[in-house]
Amino acid sequence: MKSSADICVERDLALMGLAGDSHASQRAQAADALLDLALETPSDLHPDFQPAFVRLLADGQSEVRCAGLALCTLVLGP
């Protein structure tokens, strides 16, 4: 199992991939990697992903926004 610090590092790397690349396919891959990481993360660490989904939902690329919506359904409570 990954430590909390490892999860934070991977999350931050995925977010940097979104910010630093203008290629649509690579940005979508970074968003999907973020979602995959959240799926592998214990639920008690899901609040750490809340700033990330806000950023994904505000993105101009539809694939990134879709990943953000999927992330919302995972990390937000009912």
PDB file of N, CA and C in Angstrom:
ATOM      1  N   MET A   1       0.844  -1.184   0.000  1.00  0.00           N
ATOM      2  CA  MET A   1       0.000   0.000   0.000  1.00  0.00           C
ATOM      3  C   MET A   1       0.885   1.243   0.000  1.00  0.00           C
ATOM      4  N   LYS A   2       0.477   2.241  -0.756  1.00  0.00           N
ATOM      5  CA  LYS A   2       1.230   3.484  -0.850  1.00  0.00           C
ATOM      6  C   LYS A   2       1.021   4.325   0.404  1.00  0.00           C
ATOM      7  N   SER A   3       2.069   5.048   0.769  1.00  0.00           N
ATOM      8  CA  SER A   3       1.958   5.937   1.916  1.00  0.00           C
ATOM      9  C   SER A   3       1.241   7.216   1.492  1.00  0.00           C
ATOM     10  N   SER A   4       0.808   7.961   2.480  1.00  0.00           N
ATOM     11  CA  SER A   4       0.137   9.234   2.228  1.00  0.00           C
ATOM     12  C   SER A   4       1.057  10.187   1.472  1.00  0.00           C
ATOM     13  N   ALA A   5       2.322  10.184   1.814  1.00  0.00           N
ATOM     14  CA  ALA A   5       3.288  11.062   1.141  1.00  0.00           C
ATOM     15  C   ALA A   5       3.453  10.659  -0.321  1.00  0.00           C
ATOM     16  N   ASP A   6       3.501   9.342  -0.595  1.00  0.00           N
ATOM     17  CA  ASP A   6       3.620   8.872  -1.977  1.00  0.00           C
ATOM     18  C   ASP A   6       2.404   9.275  -2.801  1.00  0.00           C
ATOM     19  N   ILE A   7       1.235   9.186  -2.199  1.00  0.00           N
ATOM     20  CA  ILE A   7       0.003   9.562  -2.887  1.00  0.00           C
ATOM     21  C   ILE A   7       0.014  11.042  -3.211  1.00  0.00           C
ATOM     22  N   CYS A   8       0.453  11.864  -2.268  1.00  0.00           N
ATOM     23  CA  CYS A   8       0.523  13.316  -2.499  1.00  0.00           C
ATOM     24  C   CYS A   8       1.498  13.648  -3.622  1.00  0.00           C
ATOM     25  N   VAL A   9       2.624  12.957  -3.659  1.00  0.00           N
ATOM     26  CA  VAL A   9       3.611  13.205  -4.706  1.00  0.00           C
ATOM     27  C   VAL A   9       3.034  12.824  -6.069  1.00  0.00           C
ATOM     28  N   GLU A  10       2.409  11.654  -6.163  1.00  0.00           N
ATOM     29  CA  GLU A  10       1.816  11.227  -7.431  1.00  0.00           C
ATOM     30  C   GLU A  10       0.692  12.161  -7.866  1.00  0.00           C
ATOM     31  N   ARG A  11      -0.117  12.605  -6.911  1.00  0.00           N
ATOM     32  CA  ARG A  11      -1.195  13.551  -7.221  1.00  0.00           C
ATOM     33  C   ARG A  11      -0.629  14.846  -7.776  1.00  0.00           C
ATOM     34  N   ASP A  12       0.400  15.367  -7.122  1.00  0.00           N
ATOM     35  CA  ASP A  12       1.007  16.622  -7.553  1.00  0.00           C
ATOM     36  C   ASP A  12       1.671  16.480  -8.925  1.00  0.00           C
ATOM     37  N   LEU A  13       2.289  15.333  -9.197  1.00  0.00           N
ATOM     38  CA  LEU A  13       2.899  15.104 -10.508  1.00  0.00           C
ATOM     39  C   LEU A  13       1.840  15.081 -11.611  1.00  0.00           C
ATOM     40  N   ALA A  14       0.706  14.450 -11.337  1.00  0.00           N
ATOM     41  CA  ALA A  14      -0.373  14.418 -12.322  1.00  0.00           C
ATOM     42  C   ALA A  14      -0.910  15.821 -12.564  1.00  0.00           C
ATOM     43  N   LEU A  15      -1.051  16.603 -11.517  1.00  0.00           N
ATOM     44  CA  LEU A  15      -1.528  17.976 -11.673  1.00  0.00           C
ATOM     45  C   LEU A  15      -0.527  18.827 -12.450  1.00  0.00           C
ATOM     46  N   MET A  16       0.755  18.595 -12.242  1.00  0.00           N
ATOM     47  CA  MET A  16       1.762  19.317 -13.020  1.00  0.00           C
ATOM     48  C   MET A  16       1.689  18.921 -14.489  1.00  0.00           C
ATOM     49  N   GLY A  17       1.363  17.655 -14.749  1.00  0.00           N
ATOM     50  CA  GLY A  17       1.194  17.208 -16.123  1.00  0.00           C
ATOM     51  C   GLY A  17       0.052  17.912 -16.810  1.00  0.00           C
ATOM     52  N   LEU A  18      -0.969  18.250 -16.050  1.00  0.00           N
ATOM     53  CA  LEU A  18      -2.091  19.004 -16.615  1.00  0.00           C
ATOM     54  C   LEU A  18      -1.687  20.444 -16.902  1.00  0.00           C
ATOM     55  N   ALA A  19      -0.929  21.023 -16.018  1.00  0.00           N
ATOM     56  CA  ALA A  19      -0.571  22.431 -16.147  1.00  0.00           C
ATOM     57  C   ALA A  19       0.526  22.656 -17.167  1.00  0.00           C
ATOM     58  N   GLY A  20       1.424  21.696 -17.288  1.00  0.00           N
ATOM     59  CA  GLY A  20       2.596  21.939 -18.095  1.00  0.00           C
ATOM     60  C   GLY A  20       2.511  21.485 -19.534  1.00  0.00           C
ATOM     61  N   ASP A  21       1.438  20.844 -19.936  1.00  0.00           N
ATOM     62  CA  ASP A  21       1.390  20.304 -21.281  1.00  0.00           C
ATOM     63  C   ASP A  21       0.163  20.795 -22.021  1.00  0.00           C
ATOM     64  N   SER A  22       0.364  21.183 -23.237  1.00  0.00           N
ATOM     65  CA  SER A  22      -0.760  21.698 -24.008  1.00  0.00           C
ATOM     66  C   SER A  22      -1.343  20.664 -24.960  1.00  0.00           C
ATOM     67  N   HIS A  23      -0.754  19.478 -25.053  1.00  0.00           N
ATOM     68  CA  HIS A  23      -1.271  18.425 -25.929  1.00  0.00           C
ATOM     69  C   HIS A  23      -2.489  17.782 -25.281  1.00  0.00           C
ATOM     70  N   ALA A  24      -3.581  17.755 -26.001  1.00  0.00           N
ATOM     71  CA  ALA A  24      -4.850  17.270 -25.447  1.00  0.00           C
ATOM     72  C   ALA A  24      -4.746  15.833 -24.951  1.00  0.00           C
ATOM     73  N   SER A  25      -4.098  14.968 -25.705  1.00  0.00           N
ATOM     74  CA  SER A  25      -4.034  13.561 -25.294  1.00  0.00           C
ATOM     75  C   SER A  25      -3.228  13.384 -24.012  1.00  0.00           C
ATOM     76  N   GLN A  26      -2.154  14.135 -23.873  1.00  0.00           N
ATOM     77  CA  GLN A  26      -1.335  14.017 -22.664  1.00  0.00           C
ATOM     78  C   GLN A  26      -2.035  14.630 -21.464  1.00  0.00           C
ATOM     79  N   ARG A  27      -2.789  15.688 -21.683  1.00  0.00           N
ATOM     80  CA  ARG A  27      -3.556  16.286 -20.578  1.00  0.00           C
ATOM     81  C   ARG A  27      -4.644  15.318 -20.119  1.00  0.00           C
ATOM     82  N   ALA A  28      -5.300  14.652 -21.062  1.00  0.00           N
ATOM     83  CA  ALA A  28      -6.329  13.675 -20.712  1.00  0.00           C
ATOM     84  C   ALA A  28      -5.710  12.489 -19.967  1.00  0.00           C
ATOM     85  N   GLN A  29      -4.518  12.069 -20.378  1.00  0.00           N
ATOM     86  CA  GLN A  29      -3.829  10.987 -19.679  1.00  0.00           C
ATOM     87  C   GLN A  29      -3.474  11.374 -18.252  1.00  0.00           C
ATOM     88  N   ALA A  30      -3.045  12.608 -18.054  1.00  0.00           N
ATOM     89  CA  ALA A  30      -2.718  13.081 -16.702  1.00  0.00           C
ATOM     90  C   ALA A  30      -3.968  13.102 -15.828  1.00  0.00           C
ATOM     91  N   ALA A  31      -5.099  13.524 -16.389  1.00  0.00           N
ATOM     92  CA  ALA A  31      -6.358  13.538 -15.631  1.00  0.00           C
ATOM     93  C   ALA A  31      -6.797  12.114 -15.295  1.00  0.00           C
ATOM     94  N   ASP A  32      -6.640  11.206 -16.245  1.00  0.00           N
ATOM     95  CA  ASP A  32      -6.991   9.807 -15.985  1.00  0.00           C
ATOM     96  C   ASP A  32      -6.074   9.187 -14.939  1.00  0.00           C
ATOM     97  N   ALA A  33      -4.799   9.554 -14.967  1.00  0.00           N
ATOM     98  CA  ALA A  33      -3.859   9.054 -13.955  1.00  0.00           C
ATOM     99  C   ALA A  33      -4.260   9.529 -12.566  1.00  0.00           C
ATOM    100  N   LEU A  34      -4.719  10.763 -12.484  1.00  0.00           N
ATOM    101  CA  LEU A  34      -5.190  11.303 -11.211  1.00  0.00           C
ATOM    102  C   LEU A  34      -6.404  10.527 -10.708  1.00  0.00           C
ATOM    103  N   LEU A  35      -7.332  10.234 -11.604  1.00  0.00           N
ATOM    104  CA  LEU A  35      -8.508   9.461 -11.239  1.00  0.00           C
ATOM    105  C   LEU A  35      -8.117   8.048 -10.811  1.00  0.00           C
ATOM    106  N   ASP A  36      -7.216   7.418 -11.550  1.00  0.00           N
ATOM    107  CA  ASP A  36      -6.755   6.071 -11.184  1.00  0.00           C
ATOM    108  C   ASP A  36      -6.098   6.066  -9.803  1.00  0.00           C
ATOM    109  N   LEU A  37      -5.318   7.085  -9.528  1.00  0.00           N
ATOM    110  CA  LEU A  37      -4.672   7.199  -8.219  1.00  0.00           C
ATOM    111  C   LEU A  37      -5.719   7.309  -7.110  1.00  0.00           C
ATOM    112  N   ALA A  38      -6.739   8.109  -7.338  1.00  0.00           N
ATOM    113  CA  ALA A  38      -7.800   8.258  -6.337  1.00  0.00           C
ATOM    114  C   ALA A  38      -8.538   6.936  -6.118  1.00  0.00           C
ATOM    115  N   LEU A  39      -8.703   6.167  -7.173  1.00  0.00           N
ATOM    116  CA  LEU A  39      -9.370   4.864  -7.036  1.00  0.00           C
ATOM    117  C   LEU A  39      -8.554   3.900  -6.180  1.00  0.00           C
ATOM    118  N   GLU A  40      -7.235   4.031  -6.225  1.00  0.00           N
ATOM    119  CA  GLU A  40      -6.339   3.158  -5.460  1.00  0.00           C
ATOM    120  C   GLU A  40      -6.102   3.655  -4.033  1.00  0.00           C
ATOM    121  N   THR A  41      -6.562   4.859  -3.748  1.00  0.00           N
ATOM    122  CA  THR A  41      -6.283   5.501  -2.471  1.00  0.00           C
ATOM    123  C   THR A  41      -7.354   5.152  -1.442  1.00  0.00           C
ATOM    124  N   PRO A  42      -6.953   4.884  -0.206  1.00  0.00           N
ATOM    125  CA  PRO A  42      -7.953   4.637   0.846  1.00  0.00           C
ATOM    126  C   PRO A  42      -8.889   5.842   0.996  1.00  0.00           C
ATOM    127  N   SER A  43     -10.119   5.569   1.320  1.00  0.00           N
ATOM    128  CA  SER A  43     -11.148   6.621   1.374  1.00  0.00           C
ATOM    129  C   SER A  43     -10.836   7.711   2.399  1.00  0.00           C
ATOM    130  N   ASP A  44     -10.070   7.406   3.435  1.00  0.00           N
ATOM    131  CA  ASP A  44      -9.759   8.445   4.410  1.00  0.00           C
ATOM    132  C   ASP A  44      -8.813   9.513   3.850  1.00  0.00           C
ATOM    133  N   LEU A  45      -8.183   9.232   2.705  1.00  0.00           N
ATOM    134  CA  LEU A  45      -7.317  10.218   2.061  1.00  0.00           C
ATOM    135  C   LEU A  45      -7.997  10.919   0.892  1.00  0.00           C
ATOM    136  N   HIS A  46      -9.234  10.588   0.601  1.00  0.00           N
ATOM    137  CA  HIS A  46      -9.954  11.220  -0.511  1.00  0.00           C
ATOM    138  C   HIS A  46     -10.091  12.733  -0.377  1.00  0.00           C
ATOM    139  N   PRO A  47     -10.234  13.282   0.827  1.00  0.00           N
ATOM    140  CA  PRO A  47     -10.307  14.753   0.910  1.00  0.00           C
ATOM    141  C   PRO A  47      -9.082  15.458   0.330  1.00  0.00           C
ATOM    142  N   ASP A  48      -7.943  14.769   0.274  1.00  0.00           N
ATOM    143  CA  ASP A  48      -6.741  15.363  -0.318  1.00  0.00           C
ATOM    144  C   ASP A  48      -6.903  15.638  -1.811  1.00  0.00           C
ATOM    145  N   PHE A  49      -7.906  15.010  -2.427  1.00  0.00           N
ATOM    146  CA  PHE A  49      -8.133  15.177  -3.864  1.00  0.00           C
ATOM    147  C   PHE A  49      -9.138  16.282  -4.182  1.00  0.00           C
ATOM    148  N   GLN A  50      -9.750  16.876  -3.183  1.00  0.00           N
ATOM    149  CA  GLN A  50     -10.764  17.890  -3.456  1.00  0.00           C
ATOM    150  C   GLN A  50     -10.229  19.098  -4.219  1.00  0.00           C
ATOM    151  N   PRO A  51      -9.068  19.627  -3.898  1.00  0.00           N
ATOM    152  CA  PRO A  51      -8.565  20.746  -4.717  1.00  0.00           C
ATOM    153  C   PRO A  51      -8.307  20.325  -6.170  1.00  0.00           C
ATOM    154  N   ALA A  52      -7.955  19.061  -6.365  1.00  0.00           N
ATOM    155  CA  ALA A  52      -7.682  18.586  -7.721  1.00  0.00           C
ATOM    156  C   ALA A  52      -8.947  18.541  -8.563  1.00  0.00           C
ATOM    157  N   PHE A  53     -10.068  18.084  -7.990  1.00  0.00           N
ATOM    158  CA  PHE A  53     -11.257  17.984  -8.835  1.00  0.00           C
ATOM    159  C   PHE A  53     -11.805  19.354  -9.187  1.00  0.00           C
ATOM    160  N   VAL A  54     -11.606  20.334  -8.328  1.00  0.00           N
ATOM    161  CA  VAL A  54     -12.019  21.700  -8.659  1.00  0.00           C
ATOM    162  C   VAL A  54     -11.234  22.182  -9.883  1.00  0.00           C
ATOM    163  N   ARG A  55      -9.961  21.897  -9.888  1.00  0.00           N
ATOM    164  CA  ARG A  55      -9.108  22.284 -11.017  1.00  0.00           C
ATOM    165  C   ARG A  55      -9.502  21.548 -12.293  1.00  0.00           C
ATOM    166  N   LEU A  56      -9.825  20.268 -12.177  1.00  0.00           N
ATOM    167  CA  LEU A  56     -10.223  19.496 -13.353  1.00  0.00           C
ATOM    168  C   LEU A  56     -11.548  19.993 -13.920  1.00  0.00           C
ATOM    169  N   LEU A  57     -12.492  20.293 -13.053  1.00  0.00           N
ATOM    170  CA  LEU A  57     -13.804  20.756 -13.514  1.00  0.00           C
ATOM    171  C   LEU A  57     -13.721  22.118 -14.197  1.00  0.00           C
ATOM    172  N   ALA A  58     -12.740  22.921 -13.837  1.00  0.00           N
ATOM    173  CA  ALA A  58     -12.594  24.247 -14.422  1.00  0.00           C
ATOM    174  C   ALA A  58     -11.788  24.230 -15.719  1.00  0.00           C
ATOM    175  N   ASP A  59     -11.292  23.076 -16.099  1.00  0.00           N
ATOM    176  CA  ASP A  59     -10.445  22.972 -17.285  1.00  0.00           C
ATOM    177  C   ASP A  59     -11.255  23.173 -18.561  1.00  0.00           C
ATOM    178  N   GLY A  60     -10.606  23.653 -19.594  1.00  0.00           N
ATOM    179  CA  GLY A  60     -11.277  23.901 -20.861  1.00  0.00           C
ATOM    180  C   GLY A  60     -11.441  22.667 -21.735  1.00  0.00           C
ATOM    181  N   GLN A  61     -10.748  21.599 -21.409  1.00  0.00           N
ATOM    182  CA  GLN A  61     -10.797  20.381 -22.227  1.00  0.00           C
ATOM    183  C   GLN A  61     -11.851  19.429 -21.685  1.00  0.00           C
ATOM    184  N   SER A  62     -12.729  18.959 -22.551  1.00  0.00           N
ATOM    185  CA  SER A  62     -13.860  18.148 -22.097  1.00  0.00           C
ATOM    186  C   SER A  62     -13.424  16.833 -21.463  1.00  0.00           C
ATOM    187  N   GLU A  63     -12.374  16.197 -21.967  1.00  0.00           N
ATOM    188  CA  GLU A  63     -11.922  14.934 -21.381  1.00  0.00           C
ATOM    189  C   GLU A  63     -11.420  15.136 -19.958  1.00  0.00           C
ATOM    190  N   VAL A  64     -10.775  16.249 -19.727  1.00  0.00           N
ATOM    191  CA  VAL A  64     -10.268  16.561 -18.388  1.00  0.00           C
ATOM    192  C   VAL A  64     -11.442  16.842 -17.450  1.00  0.00           C
ATOM    193  N   ARG A  65     -12.441  17.579 -17.929  1.00  0.00           N
ATOM    194  CA  ARG A  65     -13.625  17.847 -17.101  1.00  0.00           C
ATOM    195  C   ARG A  65     -14.367  16.554 -16.773  1.00  0.00           C
ATOM    196  N   CYS A  66     -14.432  15.616 -17.718  1.00  0.00           N
ATOM    197  CA  CYS A  66     -15.089  14.325 -17.452  1.00  0.00           C
ATOM    198  C   CYS A  66     -14.357  13.559 -16.348  1.00  0.00           C
ATOM    199  N   ALA A  67     -13.033  13.584 -16.391  1.00  0.00           N
ATOM    200  CA  ALA A  67     -12.252  12.947 -15.325  1.00  0.00           C
ATOM    201  C   ALA A  67     -12.507  13.650 -13.998  1.00  0.00           C
ATOM    202  N   GLY A  68     -12.658  14.961 -14.036  1.00  0.00           N
ATOM    203  CA  GLY A  68     -12.969  15.713 -12.824  1.00  0.00           C
ATOM    204  C   GLY A  68     -14.323  15.327 -12.251  1.00  0.00           C
ATOM    205  N   LEU A  69     -15.301  15.131 -13.115  1.00  0.00           N
ATOM    206  CA  LEU A  69     -16.617  14.712 -12.649  1.00  0.00           C
ATOM    207  C   LEU A  69     -16.555  13.320 -12.024  1.00  0.00           C
ATOM    208  N   ALA A  70     -15.825  12.420 -12.654  1.00  0.00           N
ATOM    209  CA  ALA A  70     -15.655  11.078 -12.094  1.00  0.00           C
ATOM    210  C   ALA A  70     -14.950  11.146 -10.745  1.00  0.00           C
ATOM    211  N   LEU A  71     -13.968  12.027 -10.639  1.00  0.00           N
ATOM    212  CA  LEU A  71     -13.252  12.206  -9.372  1.00  0.00           C
ATOM    213  C   LEU A  71     -14.198  12.736  -8.291  1.00  0.00           C
ATOM    214  N   CYS A  72     -15.078  13.656  -8.670  1.00  0.00           N
ATOM    215  CA  CYS A  72     -16.070  14.189  -7.711  1.00  0.00           C
ATOM    216  C   CYS A  72     -16.929  13.071  -7.147  1.00  0.00           C
ATOM    217  N   THR A  73     -17.417  12.200  -8.009  1.00  0.00           N
ATOM    218  CA  THR A  73     -18.295  11.130  -7.544  1.00  0.00           C
ATOM    219  C   THR A  73     -17.566  10.189  -6.601  1.00  0.00           C
ATOM    220  N   LEU A  74     -16.252  10.116  -6.752  1.00  0.00           N
ATOM    221  CA  LEU A  74     -15.466   9.233  -5.906  1.00  0.00           C
ATOM    222  C   LEU A  74     -15.140   9.859  -4.557  1.00  0.00           C
ATOM    223  N   VAL A  75     -14.734  11.126  -4.552  1.00  0.00           N
ATOM    224  CA  VAL A  75     -14.203  11.705  -3.314  1.00  0.00           C
ATOM    225  C   VAL A  75     -15.197  12.512  -2.502  1.00  0.00           C
ATOM    226  N   LEU A  76     -16.313  12.919  -3.094  1.00  0.00           N
ATOM    227  CA  LEU A  76     -17.305  13.671  -2.322  1.00  0.00           C
ATOM    228  C   LEU A  76     -18.299  12.732  -1.651  1.00  0.00           C
ATOM    229  N   GLY A  77     -18.694  13.099  -0.489  1.00  0.00           N
ATOM    230  CA  GLY A  77     -19.714  12.323   0.211  1.00  0.00           C
ATOM    231  C   GLY A  77     -21.077  12.565  -0.418  1.00  0.00           C
ATOM    232  N   PRO A  78     -22.046  11.754  -0.032  1.00  0.00           N
ATOM    233  CA  PRO A  78     -23.398  11.931  -0.606  1.00  0.00           C
ATOM    234  C   PRO A  78     -24.030  13.243  -0.193  1.00  0.00           C
TER     235      PRO A  78
END
